[in-house]
Amino acid sequence: MNDASHNTPTPHNWALLFFLSFVWGGAFMSMAVALEQYDPFTVAAGRIGIGALALLVVVAITRPRDLVIRDPKSLGFILILGILNFALPFSLLAWGLQQVPSAFAGVAMGSSPIFVLVLAYIFVPDERIGPQRIVGVILGFVGLLILILPGAMEAGNAGGTIVARIACVAASLCYSVGAILIRRAPPIPPMVFTAGMLMAGALVLSPIAVLVEGLPEINGTWATWAILYAGIFPTGLAFLLRVVLIRSAGPIFMSLVAYIVPIWAVLLGVILLGETLRLSTYIGAVVILSGVGLTQLRSLSKR
């Protein structure tokens, strides 16, 4: 993969970015529904395990030979990224969502581009982060605050503890570190890479969930269906697309999804939960998209 492909995202990259943001936009809602019945580590482990099984079945049918990975370096990356991309952030997010409103969770995930920007400057020399990109990232974060801060301010004491807020921000940092490491990982087929990371995360987290929370009582409620959805779509499918997008367009471009996810989350909330939008929501959406456009203005002008 040459440097140009990272600095100039293609229309296909943009299509994947917006589709990925749509799928992830429903993740917060599905986790909130699942937490109504299941404990946080169980929700996180169930989401990861279901995603792993779904992708492993696909790989076993389409590319069974790729399942055999003997390279110690590749196995090491799969294990580390399984923890950083799945076991740790999913646990932190599920635990934090018990106390903080979903609005704050959106703010926390919106901080990911800031982390990626700093990490990419240090560890990914071919990623250019000039003044225009920096202004665009800051503008996008300001828009995210405009989008969700009014609701968070009204929440009062329901805003959650300091520890719960730190947990959500830490989940965002885990994703950012994972994005940088995925770029530096050995060449592994994306589907196998994603399935391996999910399986590693499930193997690490599942025993912890059982020890801490015990075996869950599974039934046919909406909470169970929510975990199934979260495992198959925002986890298995979405993280496969995440690996593809990072390797083709770079981690900074991938981090822009954090600005678009809240927009889809709001739209899904209006359609499925009957939520009412305030003016700040529309203002925040415009500012966020303006920041995304400014960040990629050079690439857009080249095309």
C-alpha atoms as a PDB file:
ATOM      1  CA  MET A   1       0.000   0.000   0.000  1.00  0.00           C
ATOM      2  CA  ASN A   2       1.549   3.321  -1.015  1.00  0.00           C
ATOM      3  CA  ASP A   3       1.416   6.571   0.863  1.00  0.00           C
ATOM      4  CA  ALA A   4      -0.909   8.209  -1.612  1.00  0.00           C
ATOM      5  CA  SER A   5      -3.639   5.777  -0.832  1.00  0.00           C
ATOM      6  CA  HIS A   6      -3.505   6.887   2.785  1.00  0.00           C
ATOM      7  CA  ASN A   7      -3.445  10.640   2.051  1.00  0.00           C
ATOM      8  CA  THR A   8      -6.148  10.561  -0.636  1.00  0.00           C
ATOM      9  CA  PRO A   9      -9.196   8.523   0.442  1.00  0.00           C
ATOM     10  CA  THR A  10     -11.201   7.149  -2.467  1.00  0.00           C
ATOM     11  CA  PRO A  11     -15.000   7.390  -2.915  1.00  0.00           C
ATOM     12  CA  HIS A  12     -15.099   3.743  -1.828  1.00  0.00           C
ATOM     13  CA  ASN A  13     -13.344   4.713   1.425  1.00  0.00           C
ATOM     14  CA  TRP A  14     -15.923   7.432   2.055  1.00  0.00           C
ATOM     15  CA  ALA A  15     -18.793   5.024   1.383  1.00  0.00           C
ATOM     16  CA  LEU A  16     -17.349   2.525   3.868  1.00  0.00           C
ATOM     17  CA  LEU A  17     -16.856   5.301   6.418  1.00  0.00           C
ATOM     18  CA  PHE A  18     -20.501   6.402   6.319  1.00  0.00           C
ATOM     19  CA  PHE A  19     -21.832   2.846   6.309  1.00  0.00           C
ATOM     20  CA  LEU A  20     -19.610   2.012   9.273  1.00  0.00           C
ATOM     21  CA  SER A  21     -20.841   5.068  11.137  1.00  0.00           C
ATOM     22  CA  PHE A  22     -24.452   3.971  10.539  1.00  0.00           C
ATOM     23  CA  VAL A  23     -23.829   0.478  11.907  1.00  0.00           C
ATOM     24  CA  TRP A  24     -21.949   1.809  14.937  1.00  0.00           C
ATOM     25  CA  GLY A  25     -24.671   4.391  15.495  1.00  0.00           C
ATOM     26  CA  GLY A  26     -26.950   1.596  16.680  1.00  0.00           C
ATOM     27  CA  ALA A  27     -24.358   0.069  19.014  1.00  0.00           C
ATOM     28  CA  PHE A  28     -25.045   2.377  21.973  1.00  0.00           C
ATOM     29  CA  MET A  29     -28.761   1.716  21.767  1.00  0.00           C
ATOM     30  CA  SER A  30     -28.302  -2.058  21.573  1.00  0.00           C
ATOM     31  CA  MET A  31     -25.903  -2.086  24.527  1.00  0.00           C
ATOM     32  CA  ALA A  32     -28.271   0.026  26.594  1.00  0.00           C
ATOM     33  CA  VAL A  33     -31.109  -2.420  25.902  1.00  0.00           C
ATOM     34  CA  ALA A  34     -28.881  -5.406  26.739  1.00  0.00           C
ATOM     35  CA  LEU A  35     -27.798  -3.815  30.033  1.00  0.00           C
ATOM     36  CA  GLU A  36     -31.421  -3.777  31.177  1.00  0.00           C
ATOM     37  CA  GLN A  37     -31.130  -7.513  31.820  1.00  0.00           C
ATOM     38  CA  TYR A  38     -27.454  -8.525  31.658  1.00  0.00           C
ATOM     39  CA  ASP A  39     -24.406  -7.352  33.615  1.00  0.00           C
ATOM     40  CA  PRO A  40     -21.715  -5.251  31.862  1.00  0.00           C
ATOM     41  CA  PHE A  41     -18.960  -7.859  31.510  1.00  0.00           C
ATOM     42  CA  THR A  42     -21.533 -10.366  30.262  1.00  0.00           C
ATOM     43  CA  VAL A  43     -22.760  -7.889  27.658  1.00  0.00           C
ATOM     44  CA  ALA A  44     -19.206  -7.135  26.526  1.00  0.00           C
ATOM     45  CA  ALA A  45     -18.156 -10.794  26.423  1.00  0.00           C
ATOM     46  CA  GLY A  46     -21.369 -11.837  24.668  1.00  0.00           C
ATOM     47  CA  ARG A  47     -20.978  -9.135  22.037  1.00  0.00           C
ATOM     48  CA  ILE A  48     -17.366 -10.124  21.357  1.00  0.00           C
ATOM     49  CA  GLY A  49     -18.045 -13.873  21.372  1.00  0.00           C
ATOM     50  CA  ILE A  50     -20.981 -13.639  18.971  1.00  0.00           C
ATOM     51  CA  GLY A  51     -18.984 -11.440  16.611  1.00  0.00           C
ATOM     52  CA  ALA A  52     -16.088 -13.902  16.705  1.00  0.00           C
ATOM     53  CA  LEU A  53     -18.292 -16.897  15.937  1.00  0.00           C
ATOM     54  CA  ALA A  54     -20.013 -15.090  13.064  1.00  0.00           C
ATOM     55  CA  LEU A  55     -16.729 -14.181  11.374  1.00  0.00           C
ATOM     56  CA  LEU A  56     -15.105 -17.559  12.040  1.00  0.00           C
ATOM     57  CA  VAL A  57     -18.001 -19.292  10.277  1.00  0.00           C
ATOM     58  CA  VAL A  58     -17.571 -16.997   7.269  1.00  0.00           C
ATOM     59  CA  VAL A  59     -13.806 -17.560   7.176  1.00  0.00           C
ATOM     60  CA  ALA A  60     -14.200 -21.330   7.588  1.00  0.00           C
ATOM     61  CA  ILE A  61     -16.514 -21.399   4.567  1.00  0.00           C
ATOM     62  CA  THR A  62     -14.708 -18.942   2.295  1.00  0.00           C
ATOM     63  CA  ARG A  63     -11.002 -19.126   3.238  1.00  0.00           C
ATOM     64  CA  PRO A  64     -10.390 -22.072   5.593  1.00  0.00           C
ATOM     65  CA  ARG A  65      -6.634 -22.169   4.880  1.00  0.00           C
ATOM     66  CA  ASP A  66      -6.229 -18.660   6.289  1.00  0.00           C
ATOM     67  CA  LEU A  67      -7.311 -19.850   9.732  1.00  0.00           C
ATOM     68  CA  VAL A  68      -3.862 -21.384  10.302  1.00  0.00           C
ATOM     69  CA  ILE A  69      -1.493 -18.634  11.497  1.00  0.00           C
ATOM     70  CA  ARG A  70       1.929 -19.769  12.686  1.00  0.00           C
ATOM     71  CA  ASP A  71       3.824 -16.478  12.687  1.00  0.00           C
ATOM     72  CA  PRO A  72       4.505 -15.553  16.354  1.00  0.00           C
ATOM     73  CA  LYS A  73       4.510 -11.835  15.546  1.00  0.00           C
ATOM     74  CA  SER A  74       1.094 -12.046  13.889  1.00  0.00           C
ATOM     75  CA  LEU A  75      -0.303 -14.040  16.809  1.00  0.00           C
ATOM     76  CA  GLY A  76       1.104 -11.470  19.221  1.00  0.00           C
ATOM     77  CA  PHE A  77      -0.584  -8.604  17.384  1.00  0.00           C
ATOM     78  CA  ILE A  78      -3.866 -10.527  17.302  1.00  0.00           C
ATOM     79  CA  LEU A  79      -3.765 -11.104  21.065  1.00  0.00           C
ATOM     80  CA  ILE A  80      -2.781  -7.539  21.984  1.00  0.00           C
ATOM     81  CA  LEU A  81      -5.324  -6.001  19.600  1.00  0.00           C
ATOM     82  CA  GLY A  82      -8.006  -8.409  20.795  1.00  0.00           C
ATOM     83  CA  ILE A  83      -7.583  -6.866  24.227  1.00  0.00           C
ATOM     84  CA  LEU A  84      -7.151  -3.234  23.103  1.00  0.00           C
ATOM     85  CA  ASN A  85      -9.873  -3.221  20.441  1.00  0.00           C
ATOM     86  CA  PHE A  86     -12.442  -5.442  22.137  1.00  0.00           C
ATOM     87  CA  ALA A  87     -12.051  -6.875  25.651  1.00  0.00           C
ATOM     88  CA  LEU A  88     -10.895  -3.700  27.388  1.00  0.00           C
ATOM     89  CA  PRO A  89     -12.911  -0.932  25.642  1.00  0.00           C
ATOM     90  CA  PHE A  90     -16.145  -2.945  25.488  1.00  0.00           C
ATOM     91  CA  SER A  91     -15.886  -3.690  29.213  1.00  0.00           C
ATOM     92  CA  LEU A  92     -15.120  -0.062  30.074  1.00  0.00           C
ATOM     93  CA  LEU A  93     -17.953   1.209  27.900  1.00  0.00           C
ATOM     94  CA  ALA A  94     -20.534  -1.289  29.196  1.00  0.00           C
ATOM     95  CA  TRP A  95     -19.565  -0.549  32.789  1.00  0.00           C
ATOM     96  CA  GLY A  96     -19.608   3.210  32.244  1.00  0.00           C
ATOM     97  CA  LEU A  97     -22.985   3.159  30.479  1.00  0.00           C
ATOM     98  CA  GLN A  98     -24.561   1.933  33.708  1.00  0.00           C
ATOM     99  CA  GLN A  99     -23.875   5.355  35.226  1.00  0.00           C
ATOM    100  CA  VAL A 100     -23.286   7.936  32.498  1.00  0.00           C
ATOM    101  CA  PRO A 101     -25.888   9.022  29.908  1.00  0.00           C
ATOM    102  CA  SER A 102     -25.397   7.959  26.325  1.00  0.00           C
ATOM    103  CA  ALA A 103     -24.745  11.624  25.479  1.00  0.00           C
ATOM    104  CA  PHE A 104     -21.535  11.542  27.473  1.00  0.00           C
ATOM    105  CA  ALA A 105     -20.542   8.228  25.898  1.00  0.00           C
ATOM    106  CA  GLY A 106     -20.805   9.996  22.525  1.00  0.00           C
ATOM    107  CA  VAL A 107     -18.523  12.793  23.737  1.00  0.00           C
ATOM    108  CA  ALA A 108     -16.008  10.230  24.934  1.00  0.00           C
ATOM    109  CA  MET A 109     -15.965   8.411  21.598  1.00  0.00           C
ATOM    110  CA  GLY A 110     -15.666  11.779  19.854  1.00  0.00           C
ATOM    111  CA  SER A 111     -12.307  12.269  21.566  1.00  0.00           C
ATOM    112  CA  SER A 112     -10.833   9.397  19.531  1.00  0.00           C
ATOM    113  CA  PRO A 113      -9.637  11.600  16.618  1.00  0.00           C
ATOM    114  CA  ILE A 114      -7.683  13.758  19.059  1.00  0.00           C
ATOM    115  CA  PHE A 115      -5.891  10.705  20.454  1.00  0.00           C
ATOM    116  CA  VAL A 116      -5.293   9.277  16.972  1.00  0.00           C
ATOM    117  CA  LEU A 117      -3.904  12.607  15.769  1.00  0.00           C
ATOM    118  CA  VAL A 118      -1.263  12.688  18.513  1.00  0.00           C
ATOM    119  CA  LEU A 119      -0.441   8.979  18.258  1.00  0.00           C
ATOM    120  CA  ALA A 120      -0.188   9.109  14.457  1.00  0.00           C
ATOM    121  CA  TYR A 121       2.175  12.083  14.651  1.00  0.00           C
ATOM    122  CA  ILE A 122       4.451  10.042  16.911  1.00  0.00           C
ATOM    123  CA  PHE A 123       4.209   6.563  15.393  1.00  0.00           C
ATOM    124  CA  VAL A 124       3.013   6.946  11.762  1.00  0.00           C
ATOM    125  CA  PRO A 125       5.421   9.283   9.891  1.00  0.00           C
ATOM    126  CA  ASP A 126       3.525   9.115   6.562  1.00  0.00           C
ATOM    127  CA  GLU A 127       0.377  10.581   8.117  1.00  0.00           C
ATOM    128  CA  ARG A 128       0.397  14.344   7.580  1.00  0.00           C
ATOM    129  CA  ILE A 129      -1.315  16.438  10.247  1.00  0.00           C
ATOM    130  CA  GLY A 130      -0.844  20.037   9.192  1.00  0.00           C
ATOM    131  CA  PRO A 131      -2.685  23.041  10.640  1.00  0.00           C
ATOM    132  CA  GLN A 132      -5.722  22.494   8.408  1.00  0.00           C
ATOM    133  CA  ARG A 133      -6.273  18.959   9.740  1.00  0.00           C
ATOM    134  CA  ILE A 134      -5.780  20.083  13.303  1.00  0.00           C
ATOM    135  CA  VAL A 135      -8.385  22.826  12.915  1.00  0.00           C
ATOM    136  CA  GLY A 136     -10.775  20.351  11.299  1.00  0.00           C
ATOM    137  CA  VAL A 137     -10.436  17.851  14.150  1.00  0.00           C
ATOM    138  CA  ILE A 138     -10.976  20.585  16.748  1.00  0.00           C
ATOM    139  CA  LEU A 139     -13.996  21.884  14.836  1.00  0.00           C
ATOM    140  CA  GLY A 140     -15.473  18.402  14.704  1.00  0.00           C
ATOM    141  CA  PHE A 141     -15.013  17.965  18.443  1.00  0.00           C
ATOM    142  CA  VAL A 142     -16.661  21.344  19.113  1.00  0.00           C
ATOM    143  CA  GLY A 143     -19.601  20.247  16.972  1.00  0.00           C
ATOM    144  CA  LEU A 144     -19.841  17.031  18.953  1.00  0.00           C
ATOM    145  CA  LEU A 145     -20.022  19.030  22.176  1.00  0.00           C
ATOM    146  CA  ILE A 146     -22.751  21.241  20.710  1.00  0.00           C
ATOM    147  CA  LEU A 147     -24.651  18.126  19.688  1.00  0.00           C
ATOM    148  CA  ILE A 148     -24.752  16.410  23.061  1.00  0.00           C
ATOM    149  CA  LEU A 149     -23.743  18.786  25.897  1.00  0.00           C
ATOM    150  CA  PRO A 150     -27.178  20.387  26.388  1.00  0.00           C
ATOM    151  CA  GLY A 151     -28.732  17.014  27.234  1.00  0.00           C
ATOM    152  CA  ALA A 152     -25.794  16.102  29.449  1.00  0.00           C
ATOM    153  CA  MET A 153     -26.078  19.385  31.352  1.00  0.00           C
ATOM    154  CA  GLU A 154     -29.771  18.764  31.974  1.00  0.00           C
ATOM    155  CA  ALA A 155     -29.006  15.296  33.323  1.00  0.00           C
ATOM    156  CA  GLY A 156     -27.760  16.756  36.611  1.00  0.00           C
ATOM    157  CA  ASN A 157     -26.853  14.023  39.067  1.00  0.00           C
ATOM    158  CA  ALA A 158     -27.600  11.392  36.408  1.00  0.00           C
ATOM    159  CA  GLY A 159     -24.377  12.393  34.680  1.00  0.00           C
ATOM    160  CA  GLY A 160     -22.484   9.598  36.347  1.00  0.00           C
ATOM    161  CA  THR A 161     -19.436   9.403  38.577  1.00  0.00           C
ATOM    162  CA  ILE A 162     -15.980  10.654  37.679  1.00  0.00           C
ATOM    163  CA  VAL A 163     -14.713   7.073  37.459  1.00  0.00           C
ATOM    164  CA  ALA A 164     -17.474   6.113  35.009  1.00  0.00           C
ATOM    165  CA  ARG A 165     -16.663   9.133  32.830  1.00  0.00           C
ATOM    166  CA  ILE A 166     -12.962   8.261  32.845  1.00  0.00           C
ATOM    167  CA  ALA A 167     -13.893   4.696  31.833  1.00  0.00           C
ATOM    168  CA  CYS A 168     -15.657   5.945  28.696  1.00  0.00           C
ATOM    169  CA  VAL A 169     -12.741   8.197  27.744  1.00  0.00           C
ATOM    170  CA  ALA A 170     -10.346   5.308  28.367  1.00  0.00           C
ATOM    171  CA  ALA A 171     -12.412   3.150  25.982  1.00  0.00           C
ATOM    172  CA  SER A 172     -11.933   5.797  23.314  1.00  0.00           C
ATOM    173  CA  LEU A 173      -8.182   5.822  23.960  1.00  0.00           C
ATOM    174  CA  CYS A 174      -8.075   2.024  23.568  1.00  0.00           C
ATOM    175  CA  TYR A 175      -9.677   2.298  20.125  1.00  0.00           C
ATOM    176  CA  SER A 176      -7.141   4.966  19.136  1.00  0.00           C
ATOM    177  CA  VAL A 177      -4.121   2.908  20.190  1.00  0.00           C
ATOM    178  CA  GLY A 178      -5.643  -0.090  18.407  1.00  0.00           C
ATOM    179  CA  ALA A 179      -6.045   1.925  15.208  1.00  0.00           C
ATOM    180  CA  ILE A 180      -2.336   2.779  15.194  1.00  0.00           C
ATOM    181  CA  LEU A 181      -1.270  -0.799  15.948  1.00  0.00           C
ATOM    182  CA  ILE A 182      -3.508  -2.244  13.211  1.00  0.00           C
ATOM    183  CA  ARG A 183      -1.623  -0.102  10.708  1.00  0.00           C
ATOM    184  CA  ARG A 184       1.697  -1.515  11.965  1.00  0.00           C
ATOM    185  CA  ALA A 185       0.577  -5.154  12.127  1.00  0.00           C
ATOM    186  CA  PRO A 186       1.958  -7.819   9.749  1.00  0.00           C
ATOM    187  CA  PRO A 187       0.003  -8.482   6.531  1.00  0.00           C
ATOM    188  CA  ILE A 188      -2.896 -10.686   7.673  1.00  0.00           C
ATOM    189  CA  PRO A 189      -6.095 -11.115   5.620  1.00  0.00           C
ATOM    190  CA  PRO A 190      -8.577  -8.595   7.097  1.00  0.00           C
ATOM    191  CA  MET A 191     -11.352 -11.111   7.775  1.00  0.00           C
ATOM    192  CA  VAL A 192      -8.987 -13.540   9.517  1.00  0.00           C
ATOM    193  CA  PHE A 193      -7.338 -10.651  11.380  1.00  0.00           C
ATOM    194  CA  THR A 194     -10.678  -9.394  12.693  1.00  0.00           C
ATOM    195  CA  ALA A 195     -11.939 -12.875  13.588  1.00  0.00           C
ATOM    196  CA  GLY A 196      -8.678 -13.580  15.413  1.00  0.00           C
ATOM    197  CA  MET A 197      -8.860 -10.361  17.415  1.00  0.00           C
ATOM    198  CA  LEU A 198     -12.465 -11.063  18.366  1.00  0.00           C
ATOM    199  CA  MET A 199     -11.650 -14.617  19.427  1.00  0.00           C
ATOM    200  CA  ALA A 200      -8.673 -13.413  21.486  1.00  0.00           C
ATOM    201  CA  GLY A 201     -10.844 -10.790  23.169  1.00  0.00           C
ATOM    202  CA  ALA A 202     -13.567 -13.362  23.900  1.00  0.00           C
ATOM    203  CA  LEU A 203     -11.087 -15.858  25.354  1.00  0.00           C
ATOM    204  CA  VAL A 204      -9.674 -13.181  27.659  1.00  0.00           C
ATOM    205  CA  LEU A 205     -12.972 -11.605  28.767  1.00  0.00           C
ATOM    206  CA  SER A 206     -15.387 -14.560  28.984  1.00  0.00           C
ATOM    207  CA  PRO A 207     -13.724 -16.233  32.008  1.00  0.00           C
ATOM    208  CA  ILE A 208     -13.624 -12.852  33.777  1.00  0.00           C
ATOM    209  CA  ALA A 209     -17.334 -12.306  33.108  1.00  0.00           C
ATOM    210  CA  VAL A 210     -18.232 -15.737  34.498  1.00  0.00           C
ATOM    211  CA  LEU A 211     -16.053 -15.310  37.587  1.00  0.00           C
ATOM    212  CA  VAL A 212     -17.340 -11.812  38.380  1.00  0.00           C
ATOM    213  CA  GLU A 213     -20.994 -12.049  37.299  1.00  0.00           C
ATOM    214  CA  GLY A 214     -21.723 -15.774  37.003  1.00  0.00           C
ATOM    215  CA  LEU A 215     -23.423 -17.589  34.138  1.00  0.00           C
ATOM    216  CA  PRO A 216     -26.220 -15.495  32.592  1.00  0.00           C
ATOM    217  CA  GLU A 217     -29.814 -16.680  32.273  1.00  0.00           C
ATOM    218  CA  ILE A 218     -30.492 -16.441  28.536  1.00  0.00           C
ATOM    219  CA  ASN A 219     -34.053 -15.995  27.282  1.00  0.00           C
ATOM    220  CA  GLY A 220     -35.875 -14.529  24.314  1.00  0.00           C
ATOM    221  CA  THR A 221     -36.198 -10.964  25.575  1.00  0.00           C
ATOM    222  CA  TRP A 222     -35.206  -7.811  23.703  1.00  0.00           C
ATOM    223  CA  ALA A 223     -32.001  -7.719  25.750  1.00  0.00           C
ATOM    224  CA  THR A 224     -30.855 -11.018  24.243  1.00  0.00           C
ATOM    225  CA  TRP A 225     -31.698  -9.888  20.716  1.00  0.00           C
ATOM    226  CA  ALA A 226     -29.803  -6.663  21.404  1.00  0.00           C
ATOM    227  CA  ILE A 227     -26.646  -8.619  22.269  1.00  0.00           C
ATOM    228  CA  LEU A 228     -27.046 -10.703  19.103  1.00  0.00           C
ATOM    229  CA  TYR A 229     -27.360  -7.546  17.005  1.00  0.00           C
ATOM    230  CA  ALA A 230     -24.387  -5.912  18.744  1.00  0.00           C
ATOM    231  CA  GLY A 231     -22.259  -9.010  18.198  1.00  0.00           C
ATOM    232  CA  ILE A 232     -23.035  -9.563  14.518  1.00  0.00           C
ATOM    233  CA  PHE A 233     -23.264  -6.035  13.113  1.00  0.00           C
ATOM    234  CA  PRO A 234     -21.490  -3.319  15.173  1.00  0.00           C
ATOM    235  CA  THR A 235     -18.832  -5.862  16.211  1.00  0.00           C
ATOM    236  CA  GLY A 236     -18.180  -8.613  13.661  1.00  0.00           C
ATOM    237  CA  LEU A 237     -19.087  -6.784  10.443  1.00  0.00           C
ATOM    238  CA  ALA A 238     -18.128  -3.272  11.539  1.00  0.00           C
ATOM    239  CA  PHE A 239     -14.686  -4.137  12.875  1.00  0.00           C
ATOM    240  CA  LEU A 240     -13.898  -6.099   9.728  1.00  0.00           C
ATOM    241  CA  LEU A 241     -14.657  -2.939   7.750  1.00  0.00           C
ATOM    242  CA  ARG A 242     -12.601  -0.948  10.276  1.00  0.00           C
ATOM    243  CA  VAL A 243      -9.490  -3.031   9.552  1.00  0.00           C
ATOM    244  CA  VAL A 244     -10.035  -2.675   5.802  1.00  0.00           C
ATOM    245  CA  LEU A 245     -10.503   1.088   6.089  1.00  0.00           C
ATOM    246  CA  ILE A 246      -7.459   1.684   8.326  1.00  0.00           C
ATOM    247  CA  ARG A 247      -5.213  -0.274   5.969  1.00  0.00           C
ATOM    248  CA  SER A 248      -6.517   1.451   2.856  1.00  0.00           C
ATOM    249  CA  ALA A 249      -7.000   5.047   4.065  1.00  0.00           C
ATOM    250  CA  GLY A 250      -5.059   5.319   7.341  1.00  0.00           C
ATOM    251  CA  PRO A 251      -6.007   5.711  11.023  1.00  0.00           C
ATOM    252  CA  ILE A 252      -6.644   9.471  10.925  1.00  0.00           C
ATOM    253  CA  PHE A 253      -9.245   9.074   8.162  1.00  0.00           C
ATOM    254  CA  MET A 254     -10.770   6.149  10.064  1.00  0.00           C
ATOM    255  CA  SER A 255     -11.023   8.290  13.213  1.00  0.00           C
ATOM    256  CA  LEU A 256     -13.462  10.615  11.418  1.00  0.00           C
ATOM    257  CA  VAL A 257     -16.164   7.995  11.949  1.00  0.00           C
ATOM    258  CA  ALA A 258     -16.332   9.135  15.582  1.00  0.00           C
ATOM    259  CA  TYR A 259     -17.833  12.435  14.389  1.00  0.00           C
ATOM    260  CA  ILE A 260     -20.570  10.852  12.267  1.00  0.00           C
ATOM    261  CA  VAL A 261     -21.660   8.091  14.656  1.00  0.00           C
ATOM    262  CA  PRO A 262     -23.512  10.515  16.995  1.00  0.00           C
ATOM    263  CA  ILE A 263     -25.564  11.801  14.072  1.00  0.00           C
ATOM    264  CA  TRP A 264     -26.786   8.305  13.228  1.00  0.00           C
ATOM    265  CA  ALA A 265     -27.359   7.595  16.911  1.00  0.00           C
ATOM    266  CA  VAL A 266     -29.648  10.632  17.139  1.00  0.00           C
ATOM    267  CA  LEU A 267     -31.540   9.710  13.960  1.00  0.00           C
ATOM    268  CA  LEU A 268     -32.050   6.126  15.128  1.00  0.00           C
ATOM    269  CA  GLY A 269     -33.212   7.409  18.484  1.00  0.00           C
ATOM    270  CA  VAL A 270     -35.832   9.615  16.809  1.00  0.00           C
ATOM    271  CA  ILE A 271     -37.073   6.842  14.508  1.00  0.00           C
ATOM    272  CA  LEU A 272     -36.999   3.895  16.910  1.00  0.00           C
ATOM    273  CA  LEU A 273     -37.336   5.510  20.334  1.00  0.00           C
ATOM    274  CA  GLY A 274     -39.469   8.539  19.486  1.00  0.00           C
ATOM    275  CA  GLU A 275     -36.940  11.054  20.827  1.00  0.00           C
ATOM    276  CA  THR A 276     -37.421  14.770  20.145  1.00  0.00           C
ATOM    277  CA  LEU A 277     -34.565  16.724  18.575  1.00  0.00           C
ATOM    278  CA  ARG A 278     -33.634  20.209  19.801  1.00  0.00           C
ATOM    279  CA  LEU A 279     -32.071  22.947  17.690  1.00  0.00           C
ATOM    280  CA  SER A 280     -28.608  22.263  19.125  1.00  0.00           C
ATOM    281  CA  THR A 281     -28.722  18.828  17.508  1.00  0.00           C
ATOM    282  CA  TYR A 282     -28.964  20.295  14.005  1.00  0.00           C
ATOM    283  CA  ILE A 283     -26.325  22.942  14.735  1.00  0.00           C
ATOM    284  CA  GLY A 284     -23.962  20.318  16.088  1.00  0.00           C
ATOM    285  CA  ALA A 285     -24.498  18.111  13.028  1.00  0.00           C
ATOM    286  CA  VAL A 286     -23.566  20.963  10.665  1.00  0.00           C
ATOM    287  CA  VAL A 287     -20.430  21.833  12.649  1.00  0.00           C
ATOM    288  CA  ILE A 288     -19.350  18.180  12.814  1.00  0.00           C
ATOM    289  CA  LEU A 289     -19.682  17.641   9.067  1.00  0.00           C
ATOM    290  CA  SER A 290     -17.884  20.939   8.458  1.00  0.00           C
ATOM    291  CA  GLY A 291     -14.981  19.683  10.536  1.00  0.00           C
ATOM    292  CA  VAL A 292     -14.895  16.405   8.618  1.00  0.00           C
ATOM    293  CA  GLY A 293     -14.866  18.277   5.307  1.00  0.00           C
ATOM    294  CA  LEU A 294     -12.102  20.644   6.444  1.00  0.00           C
ATOM    295  CA  THR A 295      -9.965  17.746   7.632  1.00  0.00           C
ATOM    296  CA  GLN A 296     -10.124  16.119   4.203  1.00  0.00           C
ATOM    297  CA  LEU A 297     -10.337  19.289   2.101  1.00  0.00           C
ATOM    298  CA  ARG A 298      -6.955  18.715   0.461  1.00  0.00           C
ATOM    299  CA  SER A 299      -7.895  15.196  -0.613  1.00  0.00           C
ATOM    300  CA  LEU A 300     -11.279  16.336  -1.932  1.00  0.00           C
ATOM    301  CA  SER A 301      -9.715  19.184  -3.941  1.00  0.00           C
ATOM    302  CA  LYS A 302      -7.210  16.782  -5.549  1.00  0.00           C
ATOM    303  CA  ARG A 303     -10.053  14.616  -6.843  1.00  0.00           C
END
